[in-house]
Protein backbone atom coordinates (compact mmCIF):
# COMPACT_ATOMS: atom_id res chain seq x y z
CA MET A 1 184.64 6.39 224.54
CA SER A 2 186.60 3.89 226.54
CA TRP A 3 189.83 1.95 226.59
CA GLN A 4 189.95 -1.84 226.09
CA ARG A 5 187.19 -4.20 227.12
CA ALA A 6 187.44 -6.53 230.09
CA ARG A 7 185.29 -7.08 233.16
CA TYR A 8 183.74 -3.65 232.74
CA PRO A 9 181.67 -2.79 229.67
CA ALA A 10 184.14 -0.06 228.91
CA CYS A 11 187.74 -0.91 229.53
CA GLN A 12 190.70 -2.87 230.64
CA THR A 13 193.63 -1.47 232.60
CA LYS A 14 195.36 0.46 229.85
CA ALA A 15 194.17 4.05 229.90
CA VAL A 16 195.03 7.64 230.55
CA SER A 17 195.94 8.26 234.16
CA PRO A 18 195.24 11.72 235.60
CA TYR A 19 198.87 11.75 236.68
CA PRO A 20 201.85 11.16 234.36
CA ALA A 21 203.62 7.89 235.07
CA THR A 22 207.15 8.74 233.93
CA LEU A 23 209.61 11.57 234.45
CA GLU A 24 209.46 12.29 230.73
CA GLU A 25 205.68 12.64 230.88
CA GLN A 26 205.94 14.83 233.96
CA SER A 27 208.42 17.08 232.15
CA MET A 28 206.14 17.27 229.12
CA ILE A 29 203.17 18.22 231.32
CA LYS A 30 205.20 20.97 233.00
CA ARG A 31 206.27 22.41 229.64
CA SER A 32 202.71 22.23 228.37
CA ASN A 33 201.38 23.97 231.48
CA ALA A 34 204.01 26.71 231.10
CA VAL A 35 203.04 27.28 227.46
CA TRP A 36 199.33 27.47 228.22
CA THR A 37 200.01 29.78 231.16
CA VAL A 38 201.69 32.19 228.75
CA VAL A 39 198.83 31.79 226.25
CA GLY A 40 196.22 32.38 228.96
CA THR A 41 198.05 35.42 230.34
CA THR A 42 198.40 36.90 226.86
CA ALA A 43 194.71 36.32 226.15
CA VAL A 44 193.71 38.01 229.41
CA LEU A 45 195.92 41.04 228.74
CA LEU A 46 194.75 41.43 225.14
CA SER A 47 191.10 40.94 226.04
CA GLY A 48 191.48 43.32 228.97
CA TYR A 49 192.86 46.01 226.68
CA LEU A 50 190.06 45.54 224.13
CA LEU A 51 187.47 45.48 226.90
CA TYR A 52 188.85 48.70 228.39
CA LYS A 53 188.46 50.41 225.01
CA GLU A 54 184.83 49.27 224.85
CA ILE A 55 183.71 50.21 228.37
CA ARG A 56 185.97 53.10 229.38
CA THR A 57 183.03 55.53 229.10
CA ILE A 58 180.73 53.46 231.35
CA SER A 59 180.41 54.62 234.94
CA LEU A 60 179.87 52.41 238.00
CA THR A 61 176.57 54.21 238.60
CA GLU A 62 175.31 53.20 235.16
CA LEU A 63 176.40 49.62 235.78
CA ALA A 64 174.68 49.54 239.17
CA ASP A 65 171.48 50.90 237.59
CA SER A 66 171.54 48.14 234.96
CA LEU A 67 171.92 45.50 237.64
CA LYS A 68 169.06 47.01 239.66
CA ALA A 69 166.86 46.99 236.55
CA ILE A 70 166.95 43.17 236.42
CA SER A 71 163.62 42.00 237.81
CA VAL A 72 163.32 39.57 240.72
CA ILE A 73 161.76 36.91 238.51
CA HIS A 74 164.67 37.15 236.09
CA TRP A 75 167.14 36.79 238.97
CA ILE A 76 165.25 33.66 240.04
CA LEU A 77 165.23 32.27 236.48
CA ALA A 78 168.96 32.98 236.15
CA GLY A 79 169.57 31.17 239.45
CA LEU A 80 167.50 28.16 238.34
CA SER A 81 169.44 28.11 235.05
CA THR A 82 172.66 27.93 237.06
CA LEU A 83 171.34 24.93 238.99
CA GLY A 84 170.30 23.32 235.72
CA ALA A 85 173.77 23.82 234.23
CA TYR A 86 175.56 22.21 237.17
CA ALA A 87 173.00 19.39 237.31
CA ALA A 88 173.79 18.67 233.65
CA LEU A 89 177.52 18.67 234.43
CA ALA A 90 176.89 16.13 237.19
CA TRP A 91 175.01 14.09 234.61
CA TYR A 92 178.23 14.02 232.54
CA ASP A 93 179.92 12.08 235.35
CA ARG A 94 176.86 9.91 235.90
CA ILE A 95 176.82 8.89 232.22
CA ALA A 96 180.55 8.11 232.34
CA MET A 97 179.96 5.94 235.41
CA ALA A 98 177.24 4.03 233.56
CA HIS A 99 179.67 3.51 230.67
CA LEU A 100 182.25 2.13 233.10
CA GLY A 101 179.72 -0.04 234.89
CA LYS A 102 180.44 1.65 238.23
CA LYS A 103 177.83 2.40 240.90
CA ILE A 104 178.52 5.40 243.10
CA SER A 105 176.03 7.55 245.01
CA TRP A 106 174.37 10.25 242.89
CA TRP A 107 175.00 12.81 245.62
CA PHE A 108 178.71 12.01 245.75
CA ILE A 109 178.98 12.26 241.96
CA ALA A 110 177.07 15.56 241.96
CA LEU A 111 179.29 17.03 244.67
CA CYS A 112 182.48 15.86 242.97
CA SER A 113 181.35 17.16 239.58
CA PHE A 114 180.26 20.51 241.01
CA THR A 115 183.60 20.99 242.75
CA THR A 116 185.60 19.92 239.69
CA TYR A 117 183.89 22.28 237.27
CA ALA A 118 183.60 25.19 239.69
CA LEU A 119 187.38 25.12 240.21
CA ALA A 120 188.30 24.38 236.57
CA HIS A 121 186.05 27.14 235.20
CA ASN A 122 187.80 29.73 237.36
CA ILE A 123 191.38 28.46 237.50
CA GLY A 124 191.51 27.51 233.84
CA ALA A 125 189.57 25.00 231.81
CA SER A 126 192.19 22.29 231.48
CA VAL A 127 191.55 18.58 231.67
CA PHE A 128 194.56 18.16 233.95
CA SER A 129 193.34 20.64 236.60
CA GLY A 130 189.95 18.89 236.69
CA ALA A 131 191.67 15.53 237.04
CA VAL A 132 193.20 16.45 240.40
CA VAL A 133 189.84 16.89 242.13
CA ARG A 134 188.26 13.86 240.50
CA TYR A 135 191.29 11.72 241.27
CA ARG A 136 191.21 12.52 245.00
CA ALA A 137 187.44 12.05 245.24
CA TYR A 138 186.92 8.93 243.15
CA ARG A 139 190.02 7.18 244.50
CA SER A 140 188.34 7.36 247.90
CA LYS A 141 185.52 5.28 246.35
CA GLY A 142 187.89 2.60 245.10
CA MET A 143 188.16 3.61 241.45
CA THR A 144 191.48 3.00 239.73
CA PRO A 145 193.53 5.78 238.06
CA GLN A 146 192.74 4.15 234.71
CA GLU A 147 188.99 4.32 235.30
CA ILE A 148 189.27 7.94 236.42
CA GLY A 149 191.24 8.74 233.28
CA ILE A 150 188.48 7.22 231.15
CA LEU A 151 185.85 9.21 233.05
CA ILE A 152 187.71 12.49 232.46
CA VAL A 153 188.05 11.94 228.71
CA PHE A 154 184.46 10.70 228.44
CA CYS A 155 183.12 13.86 230.15
CA SER A 156 185.21 16.00 227.79
CA LEU A 157 183.72 14.10 224.85
CA THR A 158 180.20 14.72 226.16
CA PHE A 159 180.94 18.45 226.29
CA VAL A 160 182.32 18.44 222.73
CA LEU A 161 179.25 16.58 221.44
CA GLY A 162 177.00 19.06 223.21
CA THR A 163 178.85 22.02 221.70
CA LEU A 164 178.68 20.52 218.19
CA LEU A 165 174.97 19.71 218.47
CA ALA A 166 173.93 23.05 219.98
CA SER A 167 176.08 25.00 217.49
CA SER A 168 174.65 23.12 214.50
CA VAL A 169 171.06 23.78 215.58
CA VAL A 170 171.73 27.49 216.09
CA LEU A 171 173.46 27.82 212.71
CA LEU A 172 170.61 26.00 210.94
CA PHE A 173 167.90 28.23 212.39
CA LYS A 174 169.93 31.45 212.68
CA PRO A 175 172.54 31.29 209.88
CA GLU A 176 172.91 35.09 210.00
CA LEU A 177 174.40 34.77 213.48
CA LEU A 178 178.00 34.47 212.26
CA ASN A 179 177.71 37.89 210.59
CA ARG A 180 177.79 39.36 214.07
CA LEU A 181 181.36 38.13 214.45
CA ILE A 182 182.72 37.68 210.91
CA SER A 183 181.56 38.55 207.41
CA ILE A 184 180.14 35.34 205.96
CA GLU A 185 177.26 34.27 203.73
CA PRO A 186 174.32 32.60 205.59
CA TRP A 187 174.49 29.50 203.37
CA ILE A 188 178.08 28.91 204.50
CA ALA A 189 176.89 28.87 208.12
CA GLN A 190 174.28 26.26 207.19
CA VAL A 191 176.91 24.14 205.43
CA ILE A 192 179.00 24.29 208.62
CA ALA A 193 175.93 23.16 210.58
CA VAL A 194 175.44 20.17 208.26
CA ILE A 195 179.11 19.21 208.64
CA LEU A 196 178.81 19.33 212.44
CA LEU A 197 175.67 17.18 212.33
CA THR A 198 177.44 14.73 210.04
CA LEU A 199 180.27 14.34 212.57
CA ILE A 200 177.70 13.56 215.26
CA ALA A 201 175.94 11.12 212.93
CA PHE A 202 179.22 9.23 212.36
CA TYR A 203 179.69 8.98 216.12
CA VAL A 204 176.15 7.62 216.57
CA LEU A 205 176.62 5.20 213.66
CA GLY A 206 179.84 3.94 215.21
CA SER A 207 177.92 3.22 218.39
CA ILE A 208 175.12 1.42 216.55
CA ARG A 209 177.53 -0.76 214.58
CA GLN A 210 179.95 -1.13 217.53
CA LYS A 211 182.90 -0.56 215.23
CA MET A 212 186.37 -1.81 215.95
CA PRO A 213 188.24 0.26 218.56
CA LEU A 214 190.05 3.33 217.31
CA LYS A 215 193.81 3.02 217.78
CA LEU A 216 195.34 6.18 219.20
CA TRP A 217 199.02 5.79 220.13
CA SER A 218 199.02 3.09 222.83
CA LEU A 219 195.28 3.44 223.47
CA SER A 220 192.37 1.44 222.11
CA ILE A 221 189.17 3.49 222.19
CA ASP A 222 185.81 1.69 222.09
CA TYR A 223 182.46 3.24 221.22
CA PRO A 224 179.87 3.47 224.01
CA LYS A 225 176.54 1.72 223.60
CA LEU A 226 173.66 3.61 221.96
CA PRO A 227 171.72 4.39 225.20
CA ILE A 228 174.88 6.01 226.59
CA VAL A 229 175.33 8.05 223.40
CA ALA A 230 171.70 9.19 223.60
CA ARG A 231 172.29 10.47 227.14
CA GLN A 232 175.45 12.25 226.01
CA LEU A 233 173.49 14.03 223.29
CA LEU A 234 170.99 15.21 225.89
CA ALA A 235 173.33 16.16 228.71
CA GLY A 236 175.89 18.02 226.57
CA PRO A 237 173.53 20.60 225.03
CA LEU A 238 171.50 20.91 228.27
CA GLU A 239 174.45 22.36 230.20
CA LEU A 240 175.14 24.91 227.46
CA LEU A 241 171.46 25.83 227.09
CA CYS A 242 171.18 26.51 230.81
CA ALA A 243 174.45 28.47 231.00
CA ALA A 244 173.41 30.71 228.09
CA ALA A 245 170.00 31.21 229.72
CA ILE A 246 171.69 32.93 232.69
CA ILE A 247 172.89 35.70 230.38
CA TYR A 248 169.61 35.80 228.44
CA PHE A 249 167.50 36.30 231.57
CA ALA A 250 169.85 39.04 232.81
CA LEU A 251 169.55 41.03 229.57
CA PRO A 252 166.76 43.63 229.23
CA ALA A 253 163.87 42.96 226.84
CA GLN A 254 164.56 46.11 224.83
CA ASN A 255 166.54 45.31 221.67
CA ASN A 256 167.08 41.75 222.91
CA PRO A 257 167.81 39.64 219.79
CA GLY A 258 166.30 36.49 221.30
CA TYR A 259 167.48 33.37 223.07
CA LEU A 260 168.90 31.54 220.03
CA ILE A 261 171.15 34.49 219.15
CA VAL A 262 172.33 34.79 222.76
CA LEU A 263 172.98 31.03 222.81
CA GLY A 264 174.98 31.23 219.59
CA ILE A 265 177.11 34.10 220.88
CA PHE A 266 177.62 32.23 224.14
CA LEU A 267 178.81 29.11 222.29
CA ALA A 268 181.28 31.17 220.28
CA SER A 269 182.56 33.14 223.27
CA PHE A 270 182.76 30.10 225.55
CA SER A 271 184.69 28.15 222.92
CA LEU A 272 187.10 31.06 222.46
CA ALA A 273 187.50 31.29 226.24
CA LEU A 274 188.38 27.58 226.44
CA LEU A 275 190.87 27.85 223.57
CA SER A 276 192.48 30.92 225.15
CA HIS A 277 192.97 29.12 228.50
CA ALA A 278 192.19 32.46 230.17
CA PRO A 279 191.01 31.75 233.75
CA GLY A 280 187.23 32.01 233.71
CA GLY A 281 187.46 33.31 230.14
CA LEU A 282 188.38 36.64 231.72
CA GLY A 283 187.79 39.40 229.18
CA VAL A 284 187.15 36.99 226.30
CA LEU A 285 183.44 36.55 227.07
CA GLU A 286 182.94 40.27 227.54
CA VAL A 287 184.71 41.34 224.34
CA THR A 288 182.85 38.75 222.25
CA PHE A 289 179.41 39.64 223.63
CA LEU A 290 179.97 43.38 223.31
CA ALA A 291 181.07 42.96 219.69
CA ALA A 292 178.21 40.60 218.81
CA LEU A 293 175.39 42.63 220.41
CA PRO A 294 175.80 46.11 218.91
CA GLU A 295 172.04 46.77 219.10
CA MET A 296 172.09 46.66 222.92
CA GLN A 297 173.46 49.14 225.43
CA LYS A 298 177.00 48.13 226.39
CA VAL A 299 176.30 48.69 230.07
CA ASP A 300 173.35 46.24 229.94
CA VAL A 301 175.45 43.57 228.22
CA LEU A 302 178.21 44.06 230.77
CA ALA A 303 175.72 43.81 233.65
CA SER A 304 174.34 40.51 232.29
CA LEU A 305 177.86 39.09 232.12
CA ILE A 306 178.52 40.17 235.70
CA VAL A 307 175.41 38.21 236.71
CA PHE A 308 176.73 35.22 234.75
CA ARG A 309 180.14 35.42 236.39
CA GLY A 310 178.60 35.78 239.82
CA LEU A 311 176.14 32.89 239.55
CA TYR A 312 178.00 30.47 237.26
CA LEU A 313 181.63 31.14 238.24
CA LEU A 314 182.32 33.01 241.48
CA LEU A 315 179.61 31.68 243.82
CA PRO A 316 180.25 28.02 242.83
CA PHE A 317 184.00 28.68 243.15
CA ALA A 318 183.58 29.87 246.75
CA LEU A 319 181.37 26.88 247.60
CA ALA A 320 183.80 24.47 245.90
CA ILE A 321 186.68 25.67 248.08
CA VAL A 322 184.56 24.92 251.17
CA VAL A 323 183.74 21.45 249.80
CA VAL A 324 187.42 20.67 249.09
CA ILE A 325 188.50 21.77 252.58
CA ALA A 326 185.71 19.72 254.19
CA PHE A 327 186.65 16.66 252.11
CA GLU A 328 190.34 16.91 253.00
CA ILE A 329 189.52 17.31 256.70
CA THR A 330 187.27 14.23 256.53
CA GLN A 331 190.01 12.24 254.80
CA TRP A 332 192.57 13.34 257.40
CA ILE A 333 190.26 12.30 260.26
CA GLU A 334 189.68 8.88 258.67
CA ARG A 335 193.43 8.31 258.22
CA SER A 336 194.15 9.43 261.79
CA SER A 337 191.56 7.06 263.26
CA LYS A 338 193.15 3.99 261.63
């Protein structure tokens, strides 16, 4: 998506800025942040209580044994899956840049994307928190706040498309998956899958026909060109496939329901974590996976999620902090030398 056409293939100057322009908007953002802080805190406390009830009988020795049981090759595959997930996230930004008609170094985009998502995943998956990092980084490359706003929304759209596409495929091939979370007939799951695919088809059709811009308040949203849409439909699912693979490779082979089931549970738990605004989906992922994998030992499921948190969340978070500090020092040196 984009706002208004002009010199760029995507937009004019009217768009969403990462920072509110008026005092009223600033006040609204503060109230919104306060509400979601309460929601996130409540989700963490509730999930923590439910998680405690599930794992209170598990000892640290049992957990350590489960982690030791993960083979070296599976650790390597989980690590490569992590790299694949963050490469796909960098592709989100790259696709948005192509939509905007901007040319910025791949390495800079990858570093900015990695830092943005590593911080947002841990602090809380909000568009506004991700905007701060992108704003500082891409402003240093001459991008306007309007262009950065478009990039942020476009990346969010790519993620939504990826979630819809991956979820629809899982529900088509494994319609019994939803019974692990709620009591529902398999045909209903397949109907949901068809509805999700229909939504994607409408988006693709809009791109093919280059429909009139969608009016949304003061914004005019254009469809991206078909090659851009095709890349979105590849990059979006790829990140989710790789992230779910981290958990899959960390699970033991015994009673393992298979990759598609693990992927489906991951999509459900990750979506719930995003909706809860719990930092890093703390507790939400664990409770969902433990409930959806009753055939597996709880300690093994918990160990796989520790591997996921370590590789996908905590290690990138530590590296992102180093990157941010190094960037700010570099910017300070450049300003001082002028």
